[in-house]
Amino acid sequence: MNGIVLQLFFLPCFLIIWDSTSGQEIDLVLKGGHVIDPRNNIDAVMDVAIDDGRIVEVAPSLSTEQAFQVIDVSGLYVTPGLIDLHGHVYFGTEPDASYSNGYNAIPPDGFTFRSGVTTIVDVGGAGWRNFTDFKRQTIDHSKTRVLAFLNIVGRGMKGSDVEQNLEDMNAELTAGEALRHRDYVVGIKVAHYMGPEWDPVERAVEAGNIAGLPVMVDFGGNEPELSLETLLMEKLRPGDIFTHTYAQVRGRIPILDDARKLRPFIMEAQKRGLIFDVGHGGGSFVFDQAIPATRQGFKPNTISTDLHIGSMNSGMKDQLNVMSKFLYLGLSMYEVIEKSTWNSARVIHRSDLGHISPGAVADVAVLNLQQGEFGFIDVRGWKVQGSQKLTCELTLKDGVAVWDLNGISRPVWEE
């Protein structure tokens, strides 16, 4: 796949534990949906059998005689549970704490399942000093699977002054905390630094090398701008992530030049293995960048929201709204699913997620691709008119319905 680093992933040994003709009862069959599972190259009408929180079988016309429940999903898309690679969910009430136990972050469960997201990655809210608090407060109490990029700043994303402190950017302590919590920490984050030094990026990469993890960079802020080409071609490694790809903000060189042409090194960096993430947010996605870039053949590797209080009620809204924008930009349904599931899972080295192989965890999104007239807004308030929009009908987490828009998983009331 374009720009994704080729790595060897070891999937668990999946065993089909149910045969539709065996007479063994299973929990659930999703019947007649259009399954898109890029990990397994599936793009066809199939049934999906689920038992004990795991995928059992994906195949055409499964028998439902031994199924405890059958849900008719005809006319809908059935996909792996979506992975939002860029969110801010270390929420709290600490004054002036921004995205690190502060008011800018949000509790995940209220904003994930309703858009088909079963896994969200908090990117940089916590650093090595406060990750255990984030785990205790948010990760351990969320139904959503919450993973994290650990901030290179020890105190995390607590606001501008805290995030400028080079003395609190320690590669060894960051890597050590990441390794202690390897089940949850999937990368290292550097963000919001306003100085002319490369130290934050270099220290994040050092921590990534020690812990064997990718680095995500929210780049820019200094004037004159630091070289984007140097960042992508020299400082970052294949597999590292450049987020807010379609931003045009003060202090950062955009991916298009003044003639609205894609800078040549952008494609070269993607071919080199750099991951370009959308990270829409409240200020980091403009049609002036996204439309010309996609017309010139440049597509992101991963689609994500940058979910927080400043984005969820503005142009971004949610994961499906961002995916719908890329349908407008010319990506196929298969591509937007791939860039929101399996691609994201590969980037964070979590090959157990982002697919519906037999034996995999039964995280599933059932999506409706609506046809009509729909407005999509960028962060500057410009609107485009699209003809397709994704909504979520049903979300399963570990095989259990955690969101059901129209009650398709529930029996009809009888007097």
Protein backbone atom coordinates (compact mmCIF):
# COMPACT_ATOMS: atom_id res chain seq x y z
CA MET A 1 0.00 0.00 0.00
CA ASN A 2 1.22 3.44 -0.89
CA GLY A 3 3.61 4.82 1.70
CA ILE A 4 3.10 2.13 4.33
CA VAL A 5 6.36 0.69 5.55
CA LEU A 6 6.71 -2.97 4.72
CA GLN A 7 7.12 -4.81 8.00
CA LEU A 8 6.60 -8.38 9.10
CA PHE A 9 3.59 -8.77 11.34
CA PHE A 10 2.83 -12.00 13.12
CA LEU A 11 -0.88 -12.61 13.37
CA PRO A 12 -2.19 -15.04 15.98
CA CYS A 13 -2.96 -18.56 14.83
CA PHE A 14 -6.64 -18.16 14.00
CA LEU A 15 -8.78 -21.24 14.34
CA ILE A 16 -12.28 -21.45 12.94
CA ILE A 17 -14.13 -22.73 15.98
CA TRP A 18 -17.53 -23.03 14.37
CA ASP A 19 -18.82 -24.75 11.29
CA SER A 20 -22.20 -23.47 10.11
CA THR A 21 -23.25 -27.07 9.51
CA SER A 22 -21.98 -28.46 12.82
CA GLY A 23 -25.04 -27.76 14.95
CA GLN A 24 -23.01 -25.77 17.50
CA GLU A 25 -24.85 -22.64 18.65
CA ILE A 26 -23.13 -19.26 18.25
CA ASP A 27 -24.02 -15.81 19.51
CA LEU A 28 -24.62 -13.75 16.40
CA VAL A 29 -24.64 -13.61 12.61
CA LEU A 30 -24.55 -10.32 10.71
CA LYS A 31 -26.47 -11.27 7.59
CA GLY A 32 -26.21 -9.91 4.05
CA GLY A 33 -23.94 -6.89 4.52
CA HIS A 34 -21.23 -5.66 2.16
CA VAL A 35 -18.06 -6.59 4.01
CA ILE A 36 -14.93 -4.47 3.51
CA ASP A 37 -11.89 -5.93 5.27
CA PRO A 38 -8.67 -4.68 3.63
CA ARG A 39 -6.47 -6.93 5.78
CA ASN A 40 -8.07 -9.93 4.06
CA ASN A 41 -8.79 -8.28 0.70
CA ILE A 42 -12.54 -8.69 1.16
CA ASP A 43 -14.88 -6.35 -0.67
CA ALA A 44 -18.10 -8.30 -1.22
CA VAL A 45 -21.47 -9.26 0.25
CA MET A 46 -20.75 -11.72 3.06
CA ASP A 47 -22.11 -12.91 6.38
CA VAL A 48 -20.14 -12.52 9.60
CA ALA A 49 -20.48 -15.04 12.45
CA ILE A 50 -19.51 -13.98 15.99
CA ASP A 51 -19.24 -15.99 19.19
CA ASP A 52 -17.85 -15.23 22.64
CA GLY A 53 -16.53 -11.85 21.54
CA ARG A 54 -14.58 -13.19 18.56
CA ILE A 55 -15.06 -13.44 14.83
CA VAL A 56 -15.82 -17.03 13.91
CA GLU A 57 -16.34 -17.01 10.16
CA VAL A 58 -16.73 -14.59 7.25
CA ALA A 59 -18.31 -16.19 4.20
CA PRO A 60 -21.23 -15.93 1.77
CA SER A 61 -24.61 -17.35 2.82
CA LEU A 62 -23.81 -18.78 6.25
CA SER A 63 -26.48 -20.93 7.82
CA THR A 64 -28.27 -19.17 10.68
CA GLU A 65 -30.07 -22.19 12.13
CA GLN A 66 -27.78 -22.39 15.14
CA ALA A 67 -27.37 -18.63 15.69
CA PHE A 68 -28.83 -17.17 18.88
CA GLN A 69 -29.31 -13.83 17.08
CA VAL A 70 -29.39 -12.81 13.42
CA ILE A 71 -29.12 -9.15 12.41
CA ASP A 72 -30.13 -8.22 8.89
CA VAL A 73 -27.55 -5.73 7.60
CA SER A 74 -28.53 -5.90 3.94
CA GLY A 75 -27.71 -2.71 2.09
CA LEU A 76 -25.16 -1.71 4.73
CA TYR A 77 -21.37 -1.93 4.92
CA VAL A 78 -19.76 -4.18 7.52
CA THR A 79 -16.20 -3.20 8.43
CA PRO A 80 -13.68 -3.72 11.20
CA GLY A 81 -14.19 -1.36 14.12
CA LEU A 82 -12.68 1.97 13.12
CA ILE A 83 -9.39 3.15 14.63
CA ASP A 84 -9.08 6.88 15.28
CA LEU A 85 -5.33 7.38 15.27
CA HIS A 86 -5.41 10.94 16.63
CA GLY A 87 -7.60 11.98 19.55
CA HIS A 88 -7.39 13.76 22.90
CA VAL A 89 -9.19 11.88 25.66
CA TYR A 90 -7.12 12.60 28.81
CA PHE A 91 -10.03 14.63 30.14
CA GLY A 92 -10.27 16.23 33.55
CA THR A 93 -10.94 19.40 35.48
CA GLU A 94 -7.44 20.55 36.38
CA PRO A 95 -7.24 24.32 35.68
CA ASP A 96 -5.04 25.35 32.75
CA ALA A 97 -4.15 21.73 31.96
CA SER A 98 -5.30 21.82 28.34
CA TYR A 99 -5.26 18.26 26.87
CA SER A 100 -3.56 16.68 29.89
CA ASN A 101 -6.25 16.17 32.56
CA GLY A 102 -7.84 19.43 31.46
CA TYR A 103 -10.99 20.80 29.86
CA ASN A 104 -9.88 20.55 26.20
CA ALA A 105 -9.92 16.74 26.13
CA ILE A 106 -13.11 14.67 26.18
CA PRO A 107 -14.26 11.32 27.65
CA PRO A 108 -13.98 8.81 24.80
CA ASP A 109 -17.11 6.67 25.13
CA GLY A 110 -19.45 9.56 24.35
CA PHE A 111 -17.80 10.26 20.99
CA THR A 112 -16.42 6.99 19.62
CA PHE A 113 -19.01 4.23 19.30
CA ARG A 114 -21.60 6.46 17.64
CA SER A 115 -19.20 6.90 14.71
CA GLY A 116 -18.06 3.27 14.49
CA VAL A 117 -14.80 3.84 16.38
CA THR A 118 -13.82 1.06 18.76
CA THR A 119 -10.18 2.12 19.29
CA ILE A 120 -8.94 5.66 19.83
CA VAL A 121 -5.34 6.74 20.33
CA ASP A 122 -4.67 9.66 22.65
CA VAL A 123 -1.69 11.45 21.13
CA GLY A 124 0.47 13.21 23.65
CA GLY A 125 -1.94 14.07 26.43
CA ALA A 126 0.24 12.31 28.97
CA GLY A 127 4.00 12.14 29.37
CA TRP A 128 6.13 9.88 31.51
CA ARG A 129 5.26 11.85 34.66
CA ASN A 130 1.47 11.43 34.46
CA PHE A 131 0.72 8.44 32.24
CA THR A 132 -0.25 6.28 35.21
CA ASP A 133 -2.87 8.88 36.17
CA PHE A 134 -4.21 8.86 32.58
CA LYS A 135 -4.38 5.08 32.63
CA ARG A 136 -6.19 4.97 35.97
CA GLN A 137 -8.57 7.80 35.12
CA THR A 138 -9.42 7.15 31.46
CA ILE A 139 -8.02 3.93 30.00
CA ASP A 140 -9.16 1.68 32.84
CA HIS A 141 -12.68 3.14 32.92
CA SER A 142 -13.51 3.34 29.21
CA LYS A 143 -15.38 0.78 27.15
CA THR A 144 -13.57 2.17 24.12
CA ARG A 145 -10.11 0.69 23.65
CA VAL A 146 -7.82 3.63 24.50
CA LEU A 147 -4.18 3.54 23.42
CA ALA A 148 -1.61 6.32 23.66
CA PHE A 149 1.33 8.11 22.17
CA LEU A 150 3.45 9.24 25.11
CA ASN A 151 4.46 12.90 24.97
CA ILE A 152 8.20 13.60 24.93
CA VAL A 153 7.34 16.33 27.46
CA GLY A 154 7.19 14.64 30.85
CA ARG A 155 4.10 16.59 31.99
CA GLY A 156 2.31 16.03 28.70
CA MET A 157 0.17 18.45 26.72
CA LYS A 158 -0.61 20.93 29.49
CA GLY A 159 -0.34 24.08 27.38
CA SER A 160 2.18 26.22 25.59
CA ASP A 161 4.56 27.10 28.43
CA VAL A 162 4.84 23.51 29.68
CA GLU A 163 5.37 22.21 26.15
CA GLN A 164 8.31 24.56 25.52
CA ASN A 165 10.38 23.15 28.40
CA LEU A 166 13.35 21.36 26.88
CA GLU A 167 14.47 20.32 30.36
CA ASP A 168 11.36 18.13 30.66
CA MET A 169 11.99 16.27 27.37
CA ASN A 170 13.82 13.12 28.44
CA ALA A 171 14.19 10.29 25.92
CA GLU A 172 15.27 7.62 28.41
CA LEU A 173 12.50 8.26 30.94
CA THR A 174 9.89 8.48 28.17
CA ALA A 175 11.04 5.21 26.62
CA GLY A 176 11.13 3.53 30.01
CA GLU A 177 7.54 4.48 30.77
CA ALA A 178 6.46 3.34 27.30
CA LEU A 179 8.07 -0.05 27.83
CA ARG A 180 6.45 -0.43 31.26
CA HIS A 181 3.06 0.10 29.65
CA ARG A 182 3.65 -1.60 26.32
CA ASP A 183 0.06 -2.88 26.18
CA TYR A 184 -1.20 0.70 25.92
CA VAL A 185 1.61 2.94 24.69
CA VAL A 186 1.99 2.62 20.92
CA GLY A 187 4.20 5.58 20.07
CA ILE A 188 5.94 8.82 21.07
CA LYS A 189 4.50 12.30 20.37
CA VAL A 190 6.13 15.69 19.88
CA ALA A 191 3.88 18.73 19.46
CA HIS A 192 3.41 22.48 19.77
CA TYR A 193 7.10 23.39 20.16
CA MET A 194 7.72 26.99 19.10
CA GLY A 195 11.51 27.19 19.13
CA PRO A 196 14.13 26.91 16.37
CA GLU A 197 15.75 23.77 17.81
CA TRP A 198 15.32 20.24 16.53
CA ASP A 199 15.76 18.88 20.06
CA PRO A 200 12.12 17.81 20.66
CA VAL A 201 12.03 15.79 17.43
CA GLU A 202 15.45 14.29 18.00
CA ARG A 203 14.65 13.30 21.57
CA ALA A 204 11.33 11.79 20.53
CA VAL A 205 13.08 9.74 17.84
CA GLU A 206 15.66 8.65 20.41
CA ALA A 207 12.86 7.48 22.71
CA GLY A 208 11.24 5.72 19.76
CA ASN A 209 14.48 3.93 18.98
CA ILE A 210 14.88 2.76 22.58
CA ALA A 211 11.28 1.56 22.89
CA GLY A 212 10.88 0.32 19.31
CA LEU A 213 7.95 2.65 18.66
CA PRO A 214 6.92 5.14 15.95
CA VAL A 215 6.99 8.89 16.49
CA MET A 216 4.11 11.24 15.63
CA VAL A 217 4.96 14.87 14.96
CA ASP A 218 2.61 17.86 15.15
CA PHE A 219 5.18 20.12 13.53
CA GLY A 220 5.67 23.84 13.41
CA GLY A 221 5.36 27.10 15.27
CA ASN A 222 8.72 28.75 14.81
CA GLU A 223 9.22 31.75 12.53
CA PRO A 224 11.03 31.50 10.21
CA GLU A 225 9.67 27.99 9.70
CA LEU A 226 11.89 24.98 10.22
CA SER A 227 12.45 23.00 7.04
CA LEU A 228 9.65 20.54 6.36
CA GLU A 229 11.92 18.71 3.93
CA THR A 230 14.58 18.26 6.62
CA LEU A 231 11.97 16.88 9.02
CA LEU A 232 10.57 14.36 6.55
CA MET A 233 13.72 13.32 4.74
CA GLU A 234 16.35 13.48 7.51
CA LYS A 235 14.94 13.68 11.04
CA LEU A 236 12.12 11.14 10.92
CA ARG A 237 12.38 7.42 10.20
CA PRO A 238 10.29 5.22 7.92
CA GLY A 239 7.15 4.41 9.89
CA ASP A 240 7.08 7.75 11.73
CA ILE A 241 3.95 9.86 11.38
CA PHE A 242 3.43 13.40 10.15
CA THR A 243 -0.01 14.52 11.35
CA HIS A 244 -2.15 17.53 10.34
CA THR A 245 -1.12 16.79 6.76
CA TYR A 246 -3.58 19.24 5.17
CA ALA A 247 -3.02 22.14 7.55
CA GLN A 248 -2.03 25.64 6.51
CA VAL A 249 -1.00 27.38 9.70
CA ARG A 250 1.43 30.08 10.73
CA GLY A 251 4.87 28.72 11.54
CA ARG A 252 4.71 25.58 9.39
CA ILE A 253 5.49 25.06 5.72
CA PRO A 254 2.41 23.54 4.01
CA ILE A 255 2.63 20.54 1.67
CA LEU A 256 1.74 22.75 -1.33
CA ASP A 257 3.91 25.58 -2.63
CA ASP A 258 2.66 29.06 -3.50
CA ALA A 259 1.56 27.80 -6.94
CA ARG A 260 -0.58 25.15 -5.20
CA LYS A 261 1.71 22.41 -6.43
CA LEU A 262 2.66 19.49 -4.20
CA ARG A 263 6.22 19.92 -3.01
CA PRO A 264 8.26 17.14 -4.66
CA PHE A 265 9.71 15.85 -1.41
CA ILE A 266 6.21 15.04 -0.05
CA MET A 267 5.73 12.13 -2.45
CA GLU A 268 9.36 11.13 -1.92
CA ALA A 269 8.85 11.04 1.84
CA GLN A 270 5.72 8.90 1.49
CA LYS A 271 7.60 6.48 -0.77
CA ARG A 272 10.38 6.47 1.81
CA GLY A 273 7.87 5.17 4.35
CA LEU A 274 6.71 8.30 6.19
CA ILE A 275 3.07 8.06 7.29
CA PHE A 276 0.87 11.04 6.46
CA ASP A 277 -2.06 11.29 8.88
CA VAL A 278 -5.06 13.59 8.43
CA GLY A 279 -5.52 14.79 12.04
CA HIS A 280 -8.35 17.13 10.98
CA GLY A 281 -8.89 18.94 14.27
CA GLY A 282 -10.29 22.41 14.75
CA GLY A 283 -7.54 24.17 12.80
CA SER A 284 -5.64 21.66 10.69
CA PHE A 285 -7.64 20.78 7.58
CA VAL A 286 -8.26 23.21 4.72
CA PHE A 287 -9.73 22.45 1.32
CA ASP A 288 -7.10 24.76 -0.21
CA GLN A 289 -4.56 22.05 0.64
CA ALA A 290 -6.63 18.85 0.48
CA ILE A 291 -8.35 19.38 -2.87
CA PRO A 292 -5.27 20.28 -4.96
CA ALA A 293 -3.15 17.64 -3.21
CA THR A 294 -5.56 14.78 -3.90
CA ARG A 295 -6.06 15.97 -7.49
CA GLN A 296 -2.29 15.65 -7.88
CA GLY A 297 -2.40 12.06 -6.68
CA PHE A 298 -1.38 12.51 -3.05
CA LYS A 299 -3.52 10.60 -0.54
CA PRO A 300 -3.09 10.25 3.21
CA ASN A 301 -2.00 6.96 4.73
CA THR A 302 -4.37 7.25 7.69
CA ILE A 303 -7.58 9.16 8.37
CA SER A 304 -8.07 10.55 11.88
CA THR A 305 -10.00 13.25 13.69
CA ASP A 306 -7.86 15.13 16.24
CA LEU A 307 -10.94 14.84 18.44
CA HIS A 308 -11.26 17.46 21.20
CA ILE A 309 -13.70 20.14 22.36
CA GLY A 310 -12.52 22.55 19.67
CA SER A 311 -13.12 20.18 16.76
CA MET A 312 -16.12 17.98 17.55
CA ASN A 313 -18.73 20.73 17.13
CA SER A 314 -17.06 22.57 14.25
CA GLY A 315 -15.99 21.40 10.80
CA MET A 316 -14.49 18.09 11.93
CA LYS A 317 -17.45 16.55 13.84
CA ASP A 318 -16.37 12.87 13.94
CA GLN A 319 -14.46 10.09 12.22
CA LEU A 320 -17.21 9.32 9.71
CA ASN A 321 -17.55 12.97 8.72
CA VAL A 322 -13.82 13.14 7.98
CA MET A 323 -14.02 9.89 6.00
CA SER A 324 -16.98 11.31 4.06
CA LYS A 325 -14.85 14.32 3.09
CA PHE A 326 -12.34 11.96 1.52
CA LEU A 327 -15.12 10.25 -0.41
CA TYR A 328 -15.86 13.74 -1.77
CA LEU A 329 -12.15 14.14 -2.56
CA GLY A 330 -12.28 11.05 -4.77
CA LEU A 331 -11.14 8.18 -2.54
CA SER A 332 -13.11 4.96 -2.82
CA MET A 333 -15.12 3.42 -0.01
CA TYR A 334 -12.50 0.67 0.21
CA GLU A 335 -9.74 3.26 0.60
CA VAL A 336 -11.41 5.27 3.36
CA ILE A 337 -12.09 2.05 5.30
CA GLU A 338 -8.51 0.85 4.77
CA LYS A 339 -7.11 4.19 5.99
CA SER A 340 -9.32 4.04 9.09
CA THR A 341 -8.72 0.39 10.06
CA TRP A 342 -5.90 -1.84 8.84
CA ASN A 343 -3.51 0.96 7.85
CA SER A 344 -3.86 2.54 11.28
CA ALA A 345 -3.39 -0.82 13.02
CA ARG A 346 -0.19 -1.45 11.07
CA VAL A 347 1.18 2.00 11.86
CA ILE A 348 0.91 1.38 15.62
CA HIS A 349 2.10 -2.24 15.31
CA ARG A 350 -1.22 -3.67 16.50
CA SER A 351 -1.86 -6.44 13.99
CA ASP A 352 -4.55 -7.83 16.32
CA LEU A 353 -6.79 -4.89 15.40
CA GLY A 354 -8.30 -3.42 12.26
CA HIS A 355 -9.61 -6.62 10.63
CA ILE A 356 -12.29 -9.28 11.02
CA SER A 357 -10.29 -12.44 10.50
CA PRO A 358 -11.59 -15.62 12.17
CA GLY A 359 -10.30 -15.55 15.74
CA ALA A 360 -9.90 -11.77 15.85
CA VAL A 361 -11.69 -9.65 18.43
CA ALA A 362 -15.22 -8.89 17.24
CA ASP A 363 -14.92 -5.11 16.91
CA VAL A 364 -17.25 -4.31 14.02
CA ALA A 365 -18.82 -1.20 12.50
CA VAL A 366 -21.99 -1.39 10.40
CA LEU A 367 -22.12 1.73 8.22
CA ASN A 368 -24.73 3.33 6.01
CA LEU A 369 -23.50 5.17 2.90
CA GLN A 370 -26.24 7.72 2.37
CA GLN A 371 -26.86 9.37 -0.99
CA GLY A 372 -28.07 12.96 -1.24
CA GLU A 373 -26.80 16.49 -0.78
CA PHE A 374 -24.44 17.04 2.15
CA GLY A 375 -22.30 20.00 3.16
CA PHE A 376 -18.77 19.50 4.44
CA ILE A 377 -16.86 22.30 6.16
CA ASP A 378 -13.13 22.88 6.60
CA VAL A 379 -11.50 24.68 9.53
CA ARG A 380 -11.69 28.06 7.79
CA GLY A 381 -15.43 27.78 7.30
CA TRP A 382 -15.45 26.97 3.58
CA LYS A 383 -18.04 24.45 2.45
CA VAL A 384 -18.14 21.87 -0.33
CA GLN A 385 -21.26 20.03 -1.43
CA GLY A 386 -20.94 16.25 -1.43
CA SER A 387 -23.29 13.52 -2.60
CA GLN A 388 -22.34 10.76 -0.12
CA LYS A 389 -22.17 10.65 3.64
CA LEU A 390 -21.35 7.87 6.07
CA THR A 391 -23.35 7.24 9.22
CA CYS A 392 -23.07 4.44 11.75
CA GLU A 393 -25.99 2.07 12.24
CA LEU A 394 -24.38 -0.39 14.65
CA THR A 395 -21.10 -0.74 16.53
CA LEU A 396 -19.97 -3.97 18.18
CA LYS A 397 -17.16 -3.95 20.73
CA ASP A 398 -15.99 -7.44 21.72
CA GLY A 399 -19.10 -8.80 20.02
CA VAL A 400 -21.52 -6.68 22.07
CA ALA A 401 -23.69 -3.89 20.63
CA VAL A 402 -22.47 -0.60 22.13
CA TRP A 403 -24.23 1.67 19.61
CA ASP A 404 -27.41 0.95 17.68
CA LEU A 405 -28.83 3.98 15.88
CA ASN A 406 -32.11 2.46 14.72
CA GLY A 407 -32.41 -0.63 16.89
CA ILE A 408 -31.47 -3.18 14.22
CA SER A 409 -30.07 -5.46 16.91
CA ARG A 410 -33.21 -5.34 19.06
CA PRO A 411 -36.52 -7.25 18.85
CA VAL A 412 -39.68 -5.45 17.80
CA TRP A 413 -42.06 -4.65 20.66
CA GLU A 414 -45.13 -6.83 20.89
CA GLU A 415 -48.07 -6.17 23.17
